[in-house]
mmCIF file of all heavy atoms, coordinates in Angstrom:
data_MODEL
# 
_entry.id   MODEL 
# 
loop_
_atom_site.group_PDB 
_atom_site.id 
_atom_site.type_symbol 
_atom_site.label_atom_id 
_atom_site.label_alt_id 
_atom_site.label_comp_id 
_atom_site.label_asym_id 
_atom_site.label_entity_id 
_atom_site.label_seq_id 
_atom_site.pdbx_PDB_ins_code 
_atom_site.Cartn_x 
_atom_site.Cartn_y 
_atom_site.Cartn_z 
_atom_site.occupancy 
_atom_site.B_iso_or_equiv 
_atom_site.pdbx_formal_charge 
_atom_site.auth_seq_id 
_atom_site.auth_comp_id 
_atom_site.auth_asym_id 
_atom_site.auth_atom_id 
_atom_site.pdbx_PDB_model_num 
ATOM 1   N N   . ARG A 1 1  ? 0.878   -1.221 0.010   1.00 0.00 ? 1  ARG A N   1 
ATOM 2   C CA  . ARG A 1 1  ? 0.018   0.022  -0.011  1.00 0.00 ? 1  ARG A CA  1 
ATOM 3   C C   . ARG A 1 1  ? 0.863   1.252  0.000   1.00 0.00 ? 1  ARG A C   1 
ATOM 4   O O   . ARG A 1 1  ? 0.554   2.228  -0.651  1.00 0.00 ? 1  ARG A O   1 
ATOM 5   C CB  . ARG A 1 1  ? -0.878  -0.002 1.242   1.00 0.00 ? 1  ARG A CB  1 
ATOM 6   C CG  . ARG A 1 1  ? -2.016  1.084  1.195   1.00 0.00 ? 1  ARG A CG  1 
ATOM 7   C CD  . ARG A 1 1  ? -2.843  1.043  2.466   1.00 0.00 ? 1  ARG A CD  1 
ATOM 8   N NE  . ARG A 1 1  ? -3.432  -0.285 2.550   1.00 0.00 ? 1  ARG A NE  1 
ATOM 9   C CZ  . ARG A 1 1  ? -3.271  -1.029 3.692   1.00 0.00 ? 1  ARG A CZ  1 
ATOM 10  N NH1 . ARG A 1 1  ? -2.546  -0.641 4.655   1.00 0.00 ? 1  ARG A NH1 1 
ATOM 11  N NH2 . ARG A 1 1  ? -3.890  -2.196 3.698   1.00 0.00 ? 1  ARG A NH2 1 
ATOM 12  N N   . SER A 1 2  ? 1.948   1.210  0.770   1.00 0.00 ? 2  SER A N   1 
ATOM 13  C CA  . SER A 1 2  ? 2.866   2.358  0.763   1.00 0.00 ? 2  SER A CA  1 
ATOM 14  C C   . SER A 1 2  ? 3.594   2.641  -0.581  1.00 0.00 ? 2  SER A C   1 
ATOM 15  O O   . SER A 1 2  ? 3.711   3.761  -0.930  1.00 0.00 ? 2  SER A O   1 
ATOM 16  C CB  . SER A 1 2  ? 3.965   2.068  1.788   1.00 0.00 ? 2  SER A CB  1 
ATOM 17  O OG  . SER A 1 2  ? 3.432   1.879  3.131   1.00 0.00 ? 2  SER A OG  1 
ATOM 18  N N   . ARG A 1 3  ? 3.797   1.577  -1.298  1.00 0.00 ? 3  ARG A N   1 
ATOM 19  C CA  . ARG A 1 3  ? 4.422   1.745  -2.612  1.00 0.00 ? 3  ARG A CA  1 
ATOM 20  C C   . ARG A 1 3  ? 3.452   2.390  -3.527  1.00 0.00 ? 3  ARG A C   1 
ATOM 21  O O   . ARG A 1 3  ? 3.814   3.117  -4.469  1.00 0.00 ? 3  ARG A O   1 
ATOM 22  C CB  . ARG A 1 3  ? 4.810   0.329  -3.160  1.00 0.00 ? 3  ARG A CB  1 
ATOM 23  C CG  . ARG A 1 3  ? 6.115   -0.186 -2.481  1.00 0.00 ? 3  ARG A CG  1 
ATOM 24  C CD  . ARG A 1 3  ? 6.360   -1.611 -3.030  1.00 0.00 ? 3  ARG A CD  1 
ATOM 25  N NE  . ARG A 1 3  ? 7.568   -2.189 -2.482  1.00 0.00 ? 3  ARG A NE  1 
ATOM 26  C CZ  . ARG A 1 3  ? 7.945   -3.433 -2.699  1.00 0.00 ? 3  ARG A CZ  1 
ATOM 27  N NH1 . ARG A 1 3  ? 7.241   -4.236 -3.425  1.00 0.00 ? 3  ARG A NH1 1 
ATOM 28  N NH2 . ARG A 1 3  ? 9.081   -3.933 -2.048  1.00 0.00 ? 3  ARG A NH2 1 
ATOM 29  N N   . GLN A 1 4  ? 2.182   1.972  -3.420  1.00 0.00 ? 4  GLN A N   1 
ATOM 30  C CA  . GLN A 1 4  ? 1.187   2.492  -4.335  1.00 0.00 ? 4  GLN A CA  1 
ATOM 31  C C   . GLN A 1 4  ? 0.566   3.910  -4.021  1.00 0.00 ? 4  GLN A C   1 
ATOM 32  O O   . GLN A 1 4  ? -0.108  4.455  -4.802  1.00 0.00 ? 4  GLN A O   1 
ATOM 33  C CB  . GLN A 1 4  ? -0.004  1.512  -4.492  1.00 0.00 ? 4  GLN A CB  1 
ATOM 34  C CG  . GLN A 1 4  ? 0.478   0.067  -5.090  1.00 0.00 ? 4  GLN A CG  1 
ATOM 35  C CD  . GLN A 1 4  ? -0.665  -0.857 -5.079  1.00 0.00 ? 4  GLN A CD  1 
ATOM 36  O OE1 . GLN A 1 4  ? -1.769  -0.599 -4.508  1.00 0.00 ? 4  GLN A OE1 1 
ATOM 37  N NE2 . GLN A 1 4  ? -0.469  -1.986 -5.627  1.00 0.00 ? 4  GLN A NE2 1 
ATOM 38  N N   . SER A 1 5  ? 0.962   4.375  -2.786  1.00 0.00 ? 5  SER A N   1 
ATOM 39  C CA  . SER A 1 5  ? 0.390   5.629  -2.440  1.00 0.00 ? 5  SER A CA  1 
ATOM 40  C C   . SER A 1 5  ? 1.076   6.735  -3.282  1.00 0.00 ? 5  SER A C   1 
ATOM 41  O O   . SER A 1 5  ? 2.124   6.700  -3.673  1.00 0.00 ? 5  SER A O   1 
ATOM 42  C CB  . SER A 1 5  ? 0.623   5.892  -0.892  1.00 0.00 ? 5  SER A CB  1 
ATOM 43  O OG  . SER A 1 5  ? 2.071   5.955  -0.716  1.00 0.00 ? 5  SER A OG  1 
ATOM 44  N N   . PRO A 1 6  ? 0.204   7.816  -3.638  1.00 0.00 ? 6  PRO A N   1 
ATOM 45  C CA  . PRO A 1 6  ? 0.761   8.884  -4.446  1.00 0.00 ? 6  PRO A CA  1 
ATOM 46  C C   . PRO A 1 6  ? 1.914   9.581  -3.844  1.00 0.00 ? 6  PRO A C   1 
ATOM 47  O O   . PRO A 1 6  ? 1.893   9.826  -2.610  1.00 0.00 ? 6  PRO A O   1 
ATOM 48  C CB  . PRO A 1 6  ? -0.412  9.882  -4.647  1.00 0.00 ? 6  PRO A CB  1 
ATOM 49  C CG  . PRO A 1 6  ? -1.434  9.507  -3.539  1.00 0.00 ? 6  PRO A CG  1 
ATOM 50  C CD  . PRO A 1 6  ? -1.162  8.087  -3.119  1.00 0.00 ? 6  PRO A CD  1 
ATOM 51  N N   . ARG A 1 7  ? 2.996   9.821  -4.545  1.00 0.00 ? 7  ARG A N   1 
ATOM 52  C CA  . ARG A 1 7  ? 4.071   10.448 -4.055  1.00 0.00 ? 7  ARG A CA  1 
ATOM 53  C C   . ARG A 1 7  ? 3.740   11.950 -3.906  1.00 0.00 ? 7  ARG A C   1 
ATOM 54  O O   . ARG A 1 7  ? 3.381   12.618 -4.520  1.00 0.00 ? 7  ARG A O   1 
ATOM 55  C CB  . ARG A 1 7  ? 5.382   10.463 -4.804  1.00 0.00 ? 7  ARG A CB  1 
ATOM 56  C CG  . ARG A 1 7  ? 5.277   10.154 -6.140  1.00 0.00 ? 7  ARG A CG  1 
ATOM 57  C CD  . ARG A 1 7  ? 6.659   9.954  -6.754  1.00 0.00 ? 7  ARG A CD  1 
ATOM 58  N NE  . ARG A 1 7  ? 6.509   9.609  -8.135  1.00 0.00 ? 7  ARG A NE  1 
ATOM 59  C CZ  . ARG A 1 7  ? 7.168   10.032 -9.122  1.00 0.00 ? 7  ARG A CZ  1 
ATOM 60  N NH1 . ARG A 1 7  ? 8.067   10.987 -8.994  1.00 0.00 ? 7  ARG A NH1 1 
ATOM 61  N NH2 . ARG A 1 7  ? 6.869   9.644  -10.258 1.00 0.00 ? 7  ARG A NH2 1 
ATOM 62  N N   . GLY A 1 8  ? 3.587   12.481 -3.316  1.00 0.00 ? 8  GLY A N   1 
ATOM 63  C CA  . GLY A 1 8  ? 3.220   13.754 -3.333  1.00 0.00 ? 8  GLY A CA  1 
ATOM 64  C C   . GLY A 1 8  ? 2.720   14.370 -2.132  1.00 0.00 ? 8  GLY A C   1 
ATOM 65  O O   . GLY A 1 8  ? 1.685   14.864 -2.165  1.00 0.00 ? 8  GLY A O   1 
ATOM 66  N N   . SER A 1 9  ? 3.621   14.305 -1.111  1.00 0.00 ? 9  SER A N   1 
ATOM 67  C CA  . SER A 1 9  ? 3.290   15.191 0.022   1.00 0.00 ? 9  SER A CA  1 
ATOM 68  C C   . SER A 1 9  ? 3.233   16.591 -0.548  1.00 0.00 ? 9  SER A C   1 
ATOM 69  O O   . SER A 1 9  ? 2.505   17.450 -0.073  1.00 0.00 ? 9  SER A O   1 
ATOM 70  C CB  . SER A 1 9  ? 4.314   15.012 1.052   1.00 0.00 ? 9  SER A CB  1 
ATOM 71  O OG  . SER A 1 9  ? 5.578   15.497 0.689   1.00 0.00 ? 9  SER A OG  1 
ATOM 72  N N   . THR A 1 10 ? 3.985   16.872 -1.588  1.00 0.00 ? 10 THR A N   1 
ATOM 73  C CA  . THR A 1 10 ? 4.067   18.271 -2.228  1.00 0.00 ? 10 THR A CA  1 
ATOM 74  C C   . THR A 1 10 ? 2.757   18.522 -2.869  1.00 0.00 ? 10 THR A C   1 
ATOM 75  O O   . THR A 1 10 ? 2.225   19.688 -2.823  1.00 0.00 ? 10 THR A O   1 
ATOM 76  C CB  . THR A 1 10 ? 5.161   18.351 -3.286  1.00 0.00 ? 10 THR A CB  1 
ATOM 77  O OG1 . THR A 1 10 ? 4.982   17.298 -4.174  1.00 0.00 ? 10 THR A OG1 1 
ATOM 78  C CG2 . THR A 1 10 ? 6.610   18.245 -2.685  1.00 0.00 ? 10 THR A CG2 1 
ATOM 79  N N   . GLN A 1 11 ? 2.154   17.474 -3.476  1.00 0.00 ? 11 GLN A N   1 
ATOM 80  C CA  . GLN A 1 11 ? 0.846   17.727 -4.112  1.00 0.00 ? 11 GLN A CA  1 
ATOM 81  C C   . GLN A 1 11 ? -0.238  18.137 -3.045  1.00 0.00 ? 11 GLN A C   1 
ATOM 82  O O   . GLN A 1 11 ? -1.043  19.011 -3.208  1.00 0.00 ? 11 GLN A O   1 
ATOM 83  C CB  . GLN A 1 11 ? 0.378   16.439 -4.837  1.00 0.00 ? 11 GLN A CB  1 
ATOM 84  C CG  . GLN A 1 11 ? 1.131   16.199 -6.143  1.00 0.00 ? 11 GLN A CG  1 
ATOM 85  C CD  . GLN A 1 11 ? 0.607   14.913 -6.730  1.00 0.00 ? 11 GLN A CD  1 
ATOM 86  O OE1 . GLN A 1 11 ? 0.062   13.970 -6.115  1.00 0.00 ? 11 GLN A OE1 1 
ATOM 87  N NE2 . GLN A 1 11 ? 0.722   14.843 -8.084  1.00 0.00 ? 11 GLN A NE2 1 
ATOM 88  N N   . ARG A 1 12 ? -0.190  17.413 -1.929  1.00 0.00 ? 12 ARG A N   1 
ATOM 89  C CA  . ARG A 1 12 ? -1.166  17.750 -0.884  1.00 0.00 ? 12 ARG A CA  1 
ATOM 90  C C   . ARG A 1 12 ? -0.863  19.162 -0.341  1.00 0.00 ? 12 ARG A C   1 
ATOM 91  O O   . ARG A 1 12 ? -1.782  19.830 -0.038  1.00 0.00 ? 12 ARG A O   1 
ATOM 92  C CB  . ARG A 1 12 ? -1.098  16.735 0.301   1.00 0.00 ? 12 ARG A CB  1 
ATOM 93  C CG  . ARG A 1 12 ? -1.696  15.359 -0.192  1.00 0.00 ? 12 ARG A CG  1 
ATOM 94  C CD  . ARG A 1 12 ? -1.815  14.498 1.017   1.00 0.00 ? 12 ARG A CD  1 
ATOM 95  N NE  . ARG A 1 12 ? -0.615  14.199 1.652   1.00 0.00 ? 12 ARG A NE  1 
ATOM 96  C CZ  . ARG A 1 12 ? 0.120   13.121 1.356   1.00 0.00 ? 12 ARG A CZ  1 
ATOM 97  N NH1 . ARG A 1 12 ? -0.252  12.328 0.333   1.00 0.00 ? 12 ARG A NH1 1 
ATOM 98  N NH2 . ARG A 1 12 ? 1.294   12.819 1.987   1.00 0.00 ? 12 ARG A NH2 1 
ATOM 99  N N   . ASN A 1 13 ? 0.426   19.459 -0.192  1.00 0.00 ? 13 ASN A N   1 
ATOM 100 C CA  . ASN A 1 13 ? 0.717   20.798 0.335   1.00 0.00 ? 13 ASN A CA  1 
ATOM 101 C C   . ASN A 1 13 ? 0.270   21.913 -0.596  1.00 0.00 ? 13 ASN A C   1 
ATOM 102 O O   . ASN A 1 13 ? -0.063  22.992 -0.120  1.00 0.00 ? 13 ASN A O   1 
ATOM 103 C CB  . ASN A 1 13 ? 2.240   20.871 0.620   1.00 0.00 ? 13 ASN A CB  1 
ATOM 104 C CG  . ASN A 1 13 ? 2.643   20.005 1.780   1.00 0.00 ? 13 ASN A CG  1 
ATOM 105 O OD1 . ASN A 1 13 ? 1.796   19.684 2.568   1.00 0.00 ? 13 ASN A OD1 1 
ATOM 106 N ND2 . ASN A 1 13 ? 3.929   19.682 1.771   1.00 0.00 ? 13 ASN A ND2 1 
ATOM 107 N N   . SER A 1 14 ? 0.262   21.650 -1.894  1.00 0.00 ? 14 SER A N   1 
ATOM 108 C CA  . SER A 1 14 ? -0.044  22.704 -2.857  1.00 0.00 ? 14 SER A CA  1 
ATOM 109 C C   . SER A 1 14 ? -1.574  23.021 -2.793  1.00 0.00 ? 14 SER A C   1 
ATOM 110 O O   . SER A 1 14 ? -1.980  24.138 -3.200  1.00 0.00 ? 14 SER A O   1 
ATOM 111 C CB  . SER A 1 14 ? 0.279   22.247 -4.288  1.00 0.00 ? 14 SER A CB  1 
ATOM 112 O OG  . SER A 1 14 ? -0.494  21.119 -4.665  1.00 0.00 ? 14 SER A OG  1 
ATOM 113 N N   . HIS A 1 15 ? -2.392  22.093 -2.297  1.00 0.00 ? 15 HIS A N   1 
ATOM 114 C CA  . HIS A 1 15 ? -3.817  22.353 -2.190  1.00 0.00 ? 15 HIS A CA  1 
ATOM 115 C C   . HIS A 1 15 ? -4.167  22.516 -0.803  1.00 0.00 ? 15 HIS A C   1 
ATOM 116 O O   . HIS A 1 15 ? -5.424  22.439 -0.387  1.00 0.00 ? 15 HIS A O   1 
ATOM 117 C CB  . HIS A 1 15 ? -4.571  21.167 -2.824  1.00 0.00 ? 15 HIS A CB  1 
ATOM 118 C CG  . HIS A 1 15 ? -4.257  20.965 -4.268  1.00 0.00 ? 15 HIS A CG  1 
ATOM 119 N ND1 . HIS A 1 15 ? -4.755  21.772 -5.207  1.00 0.00 ? 15 HIS A ND1 1 
ATOM 120 C CD2 . HIS A 1 15 ? -3.559  20.032 -4.863  1.00 0.00 ? 15 HIS A CD2 1 
ATOM 121 C CE1 . HIS A 1 15 ? -4.245  21.400 -6.391  1.00 0.00 ? 15 HIS A CE1 1 
ATOM 122 N NE2 . HIS A 1 15 ? -3.536  20.238 -6.193  1.00 0.00 ? 15 HIS A NE2 1 
ATOM 123 N N   . SER A 1 16 ? -3.291  22.791 0.090   1.00 0.00 ? 16 SER A N   1 
ATOM 124 C CA  . SER A 1 16 ? -3.609  22.790 1.557   1.00 0.00 ? 16 SER A CA  1 
ATOM 125 C C   . SER A 1 16 ? -4.509  23.893 1.902   1.00 0.00 ? 16 SER A C   1 
ATOM 126 O O   . SER A 1 16 ? -5.204  23.852 2.903   1.00 0.00 ? 16 SER A O   1 
ATOM 127 C CB  . SER A 1 16 ? -2.299  22.899 2.340   1.00 0.00 ? 16 SER A CB  1 
ATOM 128 O OG  . SER A 1 16 ? -1.656  24.105 1.960   1.00 0.00 ? 16 SER A OG  1 
ATOM 129 N N   . LEU A 1 17 ? -4.568  25.025 1.026   1.00 0.00 ? 17 LEU A N   1 
ATOM 130 C CA  . LEU A 1 17 ? -5.469  26.071 1.340   1.00 0.00 ? 17 LEU A CA  1 
ATOM 131 C C   . LEU A 1 17 ? -6.912  25.842 0.994   1.00 0.00 ? 17 LEU A C   1 
ATOM 132 O O   . LEU A 1 17 ? -7.767  26.583 1.365   1.00 0.00 ? 17 LEU A O   1 
ATOM 133 C CB  . LEU A 1 17 ? -4.943  27.394 0.731   1.00 0.00 ? 17 LEU A CB  1 
ATOM 134 C CG  . LEU A 1 17 ? -3.574  27.830 1.144   1.00 0.00 ? 17 LEU A CG  1 
ATOM 135 C CD1 . LEU A 1 17 ? -3.193  29.162 0.483   1.00 0.00 ? 17 LEU A CD1 1 
ATOM 136 C CD2 . LEU A 1 17 ? -3.565  28.180 2.663   1.00 0.00 ? 17 LEU A CD2 1 
ATOM 137 N N   . LYS A 1 18 ? -7.138  24.776 0.156   1.00 0.00 ? 18 LYS A N   1 
ATOM 138 C CA  . LYS A 1 18 ? -8.551  24.547 -0.270  1.00 0.00 ? 18 LYS A CA  1 
ATOM 139 C C   . LYS A 1 18 ? -9.255  23.741 0.832   1.00 0.00 ? 18 LYS A C   1 
ATOM 140 O O   . LYS A 1 18 ? -8.663  22.852 1.528   1.00 0.00 ? 18 LYS A O   1 
ATOM 141 C CB  . LYS A 1 18 ? -8.507  23.643 -1.516  1.00 0.00 ? 18 LYS A CB  1 
ATOM 142 C CG  . LYS A 1 18 ? -7.863  24.366 -2.730  1.00 0.00 ? 18 LYS A CG  1 
ATOM 143 C CD  . LYS A 1 18 ? -7.920  23.502 -3.947  1.00 0.00 ? 18 LYS A CD  1 
ATOM 144 C CE  . LYS A 1 18 ? -7.399  24.264 -5.240  1.00 0.00 ? 18 LYS A CE  1 
ATOM 145 N NZ  . LYS A 1 18 ? -7.511  23.394 -6.482  1.00 0.00 ? 18 LYS A NZ  1 
ATOM 146 N N   . PRO A 1 19 ? -10.501 24.057 1.068   1.00 0.00 ? 19 PRO A N   1 
ATOM 147 C CA  . PRO A 1 19 ? -11.281 23.292 2.014   1.00 0.00 ? 19 PRO A CA  1 
ATOM 148 C C   . PRO A 1 19 ? -11.504 21.901 1.602   1.00 0.00 ? 19 PRO A C   1 
ATOM 149 O O   . PRO A 1 19 ? -11.629 21.642 0.404   1.00 0.00 ? 19 PRO A O   1 
ATOM 150 C CB  . PRO A 1 19 ? -12.610 24.113 2.078   1.00 0.00 ? 19 PRO A CB  1 
ATOM 151 C CG  . PRO A 1 19 ? -12.794 24.731 0.756   1.00 0.00 ? 19 PRO A CG  1 
ATOM 152 C CD  . PRO A 1 19 ? -11.392 25.083 0.346   1.00 0.00 ? 19 PRO A CD  1 
ATOM 153 N N   . PRO A 1 20 ? -11.544 20.940 2.577   1.00 0.00 ? 20 PRO A N   1 
ATOM 154 C CA  . PRO A 1 20 ? -11.790 19.566 2.257   1.00 0.00 ? 20 PRO A CA  1 
ATOM 155 C C   . PRO A 1 20 ? -13.145 19.423 1.682   1.00 0.00 ? 20 PRO A C   1 
ATOM 156 O O   . PRO A 1 20 ? -14.158 20.024 2.166   1.00 0.00 ? 20 PRO A O   1 
ATOM 157 C CB  . PRO A 1 20 ? -11.535 18.884 3.549   1.00 0.00 ? 20 PRO A CB  1 
ATOM 158 C CG  . PRO A 1 20 ? -11.804 19.924 4.656   1.00 0.00 ? 20 PRO A CG  1 
ATOM 159 C CD  . PRO A 1 20 ? -11.357 21.189 4.023   1.00 0.00 ? 20 PRO A CD  1 
ATOM 160 N N   . ARG A 1 21 ? -13.254 18.503 0.667   1.00 0.00 ? 21 ARG A N   1 
ATOM 161 C CA  . ARG A 1 21 ? -14.570 18.197 0.078   1.00 0.00 ? 21 ARG A CA  1 
ATOM 162 C C   . ARG A 1 21 ? -15.431 17.325 0.981   1.00 0.00 ? 21 ARG A C   1 
ATOM 163 O O   . ARG A 1 21 ? -16.630 17.297 0.909   1.00 0.00 ? 21 ARG A O   1 
ATOM 164 C CB  . ARG A 1 21 ? -14.382 17.555 -1.252  1.00 0.00 ? 21 ARG A CB  1 
ATOM 165 C CG  . ARG A 1 21 ? -13.839 18.458 -2.335  1.00 0.00 ? 21 ARG A CG  1 
ATOM 166 C CD  . ARG A 1 21 ? -13.714 17.687 -3.615  1.00 0.00 ? 21 ARG A CD  1 
ATOM 167 N NE  . ARG A 1 21 ? -12.791 16.609 -3.491  1.00 0.00 ? 21 ARG A NE  1 
ATOM 168 C CZ  . ARG A 1 21 ? -12.496 15.689 -4.460  1.00 0.00 ? 21 ARG A CZ  1 
ATOM 169 N NH1 . ARG A 1 21 ? -13.203 15.789 -5.610  1.00 0.00 ? 21 ARG A NH1 1 
ATOM 170 N NH2 . ARG A 1 21 ? -11.632 14.751 -4.323  1.00 0.00 ? 21 ARG A NH2 1 
ATOM 171 N N   . SER A 1 22 ? -14.747 16.626 1.919   1.00 0.00 ? 22 SER A N   1 
ATOM 172 C CA  . SER A 1 22 ? -15.465 15.750 2.763   1.00 0.00 ? 22 SER A CA  1 
ATOM 173 C C   . SER A 1 22 ? -14.770 15.445 4.035   1.00 0.00 ? 22 SER A C   1 
ATOM 174 O O   . SER A 1 22 ? -13.554 15.627 4.076   1.00 0.00 ? 22 SER A O   1 
ATOM 175 C CB  . SER A 1 22 ? -15.694 14.336 2.052   1.00 0.00 ? 22 SER A CB  1 
ATOM 176 O OG  . SER A 1 22 ? -16.193 13.434 2.923   1.00 0.00 ? 22 SER A OG  1 
ATOM 177 N N   . LEU A 1 23 ? -15.486 15.091 5.038   1.00 0.00 ? 23 LEU A N   1 
ATOM 178 C CA  . LEU A 1 23 ? -14.760 14.777 6.320   1.00 0.00 ? 23 LEU A CA  1 
ATOM 179 C C   . LEU A 1 23 ? -14.285 13.307 6.353   1.00 0.00 ? 23 LEU A C   1 
ATOM 180 O O   . LEU A 1 23 ? -13.720 12.843 7.270   1.00 0.00 ? 23 LEU A O   1 
ATOM 181 C CB  . LEU A 1 23 ? -15.775 14.957 7.494   1.00 0.00 ? 23 LEU A CB  1 
ATOM 182 C CG  . LEU A 1 23 ? -16.133 16.432 7.741   1.00 0.00 ? 23 LEU A CG  1 
ATOM 183 C CD1 . LEU A 1 23 ? -17.202 16.523 8.827   1.00 0.00 ? 23 LEU A CD1 1 
ATOM 184 C CD2 . LEU A 1 23 ? -14.964 17.273 8.000   1.00 0.00 ? 23 LEU A CD2 1 
ATOM 185 N N   . THR A 1 24 ? -14.634 12.544 5.213   1.00 0.00 ? 24 THR A N   1 
ATOM 186 C CA  . THR A 1 24 ? -14.229 11.137 5.192   1.00 0.00 ? 24 THR A CA  1 
ATOM 187 C C   . THR A 1 24 ? -12.746 11.032 4.988   1.00 0.00 ? 24 THR A C   1 
ATOM 188 O O   . THR A 1 24 ? -12.193 11.614 4.009   1.00 0.00 ? 24 THR A O   1 
ATOM 189 C CB  . THR A 1 24 ? -14.992 10.386 4.071   1.00 0.00 ? 24 THR A CB  1 
ATOM 190 O OG1 . THR A 1 24 ? -16.451 10.655 4.176   1.00 0.00 ? 24 THR A OG1 1 
ATOM 191 C CG2 . THR A 1 24 ? -14.674 8.896  4.039   1.00 0.00 ? 24 THR A CG2 1 
ATOM 192 N N   . PRO A 1 25 ? -11.983 10.259 5.715   1.00 0.00 ? 25 PRO A N   1 
ATOM 193 C CA  . PRO A 1 25 ? -10.525 10.076 5.475   1.00 0.00 ? 25 PRO A CA  1 
ATOM 194 C C   . PRO A 1 25 ? -10.178 9.598  4.009   1.00 0.00 ? 25 PRO A C   1 
ATOM 195 O O   . PRO A 1 25 ? -10.976 8.804  3.487   1.00 0.00 ? 25 PRO A O   1 
ATOM 196 C CB  . PRO A 1 25 ? -10.106 9.035  6.481   1.00 0.00 ? 25 PRO A CB  1 
ATOM 197 C CG  . PRO A 1 25 ? -11.176 9.006  7.486   1.00 0.00 ? 25 PRO A CG  1 
ATOM 198 C CD  . PRO A 1 25 ? -12.398 9.450  6.825   1.00 0.00 ? 25 PRO A CD  1 
# 
């Protein structure tokens, strides 16, 4: 699962200012 997870902590950081679409993990 770790290998298949998107690399991109940077991707998540780039959208960090956007509100989450859902409270679901």
